Amino acid sequence: MEKFELQLIAHRKILTALLAVAASDADWWRKLMVHLRDDLSVQDHEEDPGIVPGADFALQNAVTEELLGIVSRAEVRGRDTG
């Protein structure tokens, strides 16, 4: 693995751990999700009408999938430790 990939994995683990602590506080977690709401879903007016996604749409979709993965892992860990 490249050094950059290892750094990303480490950052993802730290972020997930921090968010897991946040997920154990329902009020704080709700406020965070309000801030992330627009990044956690593709807006209707932003959908790519083509069969093959355009570069911008594909990038946004990939970022959204990664965010959802981190948030989901944090929620599970937060419930387990909360």
C-alpha atoms as a PDB file:
ATOM      1  CA  MET A   1       0.000   0.000   0.000  1.00  0.00           C
ATOM      2  CA  GLU A   2       1.044   3.524  -0.637  1.00  0.00           C
ATOM      3  CA  LYS A   3       1.799   5.797   2.301  1.00  0.00           C
ATOM      4  CA  PHE A   4      -1.129   8.008   1.301  1.00  0.00           C
ATOM      5  CA  GLU A   5      -3.549   5.062   1.463  1.00  0.00           C
ATOM      6  CA  LEU A   6      -2.289   4.133   4.920  1.00  0.00           C
ATOM      7  CA  GLN A   7      -2.742   7.714   6.079  1.00  0.00           C
ATOM      8  CA  LEU A   8      -6.322   7.717   4.779  1.00  0.00           C
ATOM      9  CA  ILE A   9      -7.070   4.477   6.600  1.00  0.00           C
ATOM     10  CA  ALA A  10      -5.657   5.905   9.831  1.00  0.00           C
ATOM     11  CA  HIS A  11      -7.677   9.113   9.466  1.00  0.00           C
ATOM     12  CA  ARG A  12     -10.830   7.137   8.722  1.00  0.00           C
ATOM     13  CA  LYS A  13     -10.314   5.034  11.880  1.00  0.00           C
ATOM     14  CA  ILE A  14      -9.767   8.125  14.048  1.00  0.00           C
ATOM     15  CA  LEU A  15     -12.783   9.874  12.540  1.00  0.00           C
ATOM     16  CA  THR A  16     -14.974   6.815  13.062  1.00  0.00           C
ATOM     17  CA  ALA A  17     -13.855   6.541  16.702  1.00  0.00           C
ATOM     18  CA  LEU A  18     -14.581  10.231  17.342  1.00  0.00           C
ATOM     19  CA  LEU A  19     -17.972   9.966  15.690  1.00  0.00           C
ATOM     20  CA  ALA A  20     -18.774   6.820  17.662  1.00  0.00           C
ATOM     21  CA  VAL A  21     -18.346   8.852  20.856  1.00  0.00           C
ATOM     22  CA  ALA A  22     -20.574  11.559  19.374  1.00  0.00           C
ATOM     23  CA  ALA A  23     -23.192   8.975  18.371  1.00  0.00           C
ATOM     24  CA  SER A  24     -23.634   8.014  22.018  1.00  0.00           C
ATOM     25  CA  ASP A  25     -25.086  11.512  22.643  1.00  0.00           C
ATOM     26  CA  ALA A  26     -28.407  11.587  20.755  1.00  0.00           C
ATOM     27  CA  ASP A  27     -28.771  15.381  20.781  1.00  0.00           C
ATOM     28  CA  TRP A  28     -25.231  16.011  19.557  1.00  0.00           C
ATOM     29  CA  TRP A  29     -25.584  13.284  16.919  1.00  0.00           C
ATOM     30  CA  ARG A  30     -28.850  14.785  15.623  1.00  0.00           C
ATOM     31  CA  LYS A  31     -27.191  18.202  15.304  1.00  0.00           C
ATOM     32  CA  LEU A  32     -24.244  16.694  13.420  1.00  0.00           C
ATOM     33  CA  MET A  33     -26.560  14.838  11.030  1.00  0.00           C
ATOM     34  CA  VAL A  34     -28.375  18.112  10.287  1.00  0.00           C
ATOM     35  CA  HIS A  35     -25.031  19.603   9.233  1.00  0.00           C
ATOM     36  CA  LEU A  36     -24.151  16.549   7.129  1.00  0.00           C
ATOM     37  CA  ARG A  37     -27.644  16.073   5.655  1.00  0.00           C
ATOM     38  CA  ASP A  38     -26.828  17.623   2.270  1.00  0.00           C
ATOM     39  CA  ASP A  39     -23.618  15.610   1.948  1.00  0.00           C
ATOM     40  CA  LEU A  40     -25.278  12.310   2.865  1.00  0.00           C
ATOM     41  CA  SER A  41     -27.665  12.268  -0.075  1.00  0.00           C
ATOM     42  CA  VAL A  42     -27.703  13.253  -3.718  1.00  0.00           C
ATOM     43  CA  GLN A  43     -30.163  16.082  -4.280  1.00  0.00           C
ATOM     44  CA  ASP A  44     -32.953  15.421  -6.816  1.00  0.00           C
ATOM     45  CA  HIS A  45     -31.922  18.328  -9.004  1.00  0.00           C
ATOM     46  CA  GLU A  46     -28.369  16.974  -9.071  1.00  0.00           C
ATOM     47  CA  GLU A  47     -29.159  13.535 -10.443  1.00  0.00           C
ATOM     48  CA  ASP A  48     -27.299  12.679 -13.615  1.00  0.00           C
ATOM     49  CA  PRO A  49     -29.801  11.751 -16.326  1.00  0.00           C
ATOM     50  CA  GLY A  50     -27.282   9.759 -18.374  1.00  0.00           C
ATOM     51  CA  ILE A  51     -26.644   6.024 -18.314  1.00  0.00           C
ATOM     52  CA  VAL A  52     -22.963   6.575 -17.550  1.00  0.00           C
ATOM     53  CA  PRO A  53     -22.544   9.050 -14.689  1.00  0.00           C
ATOM     54  CA  GLY A  54     -20.687  12.246 -15.452  1.00  0.00           C
ATOM     55  CA  ALA A  55     -17.411  12.857 -13.637  1.00  0.00           C
ATOM     56  CA  ASP A  56     -18.893  15.352 -11.150  1.00  0.00           C
ATOM     57  CA  PHE A  57     -21.836  13.100 -10.336  1.00  0.00           C
ATOM     58  CA  ALA A  58     -19.583  10.058  -9.959  1.00  0.00           C
ATOM     59  CA  LEU A  59     -17.282  11.980  -7.588  1.00  0.00           C
ATOM     60  CA  GLN A  60     -20.191  13.233  -5.488  1.00  0.00           C
ATOM     61  CA  ASN A  61     -21.671   9.743  -5.352  1.00  0.00           C
ATOM     62  CA  ALA A  62     -18.342   8.229  -4.239  1.00  0.00           C
ATOM     63  CA  VAL A  63     -17.932  10.854  -1.502  1.00  0.00           C
ATOM     64  CA  THR A  64     -21.509  10.280  -0.326  1.00  0.00           C
ATOM     65  CA  GLU A  65     -20.926   6.517  -0.155  1.00  0.00           C
ATOM     66  CA  GLU A  66     -17.769   7.015   1.918  1.00  0.00           C
ATOM     67  CA  LEU A  67     -19.535   9.444   4.267  1.00  0.00           C
ATOM     68  CA  LEU A  68     -22.431   7.021   4.711  1.00  0.00           C
ATOM     69  CA  GLY A  69     -20.007   4.213   5.492  1.00  0.00           C
ATOM     70  CA  ILE A  70     -18.189   6.247   8.143  1.00  0.00           C
ATOM     71  CA  VAL A  71     -21.448   7.473   9.705  1.00  0.00           C
ATOM     72  CA  SER A  72     -22.928   3.960   9.716  1.00  0.00           C
ATOM     73  CA  ARG A  73     -19.855   2.457  11.390  1.00  0.00           C
ATOM     74  CA  ALA A  74     -19.830   5.259  13.947  1.00  0.00           C
ATOM     75  CA  GLU A  75     -23.513   4.756  14.748  1.00  0.00           C
ATOM     76  CA  VAL A  76     -23.008   1.037  15.331  1.00  0.00           C
ATOM     77  CA  ARG A  77     -19.943   1.611  17.520  1.00  0.00           C
ATOM     78  CA  GLY A  78     -21.720   4.406  19.390  1.00  0.00           C
ATOM     79  CA  ARG A  79     -24.656   2.119  20.206  1.00  0.00           C
ATOM     80  CA  ASP A  80     -22.273  -0.635  21.297  1.00  0.00           C
ATOM     81  CA  THR A  81     -20.347   1.651  23.656  1.00  0.00           C
ATOM     82  CA  GLY A  82     -23.156   4.046  24.629  1.00  0.00           C
END
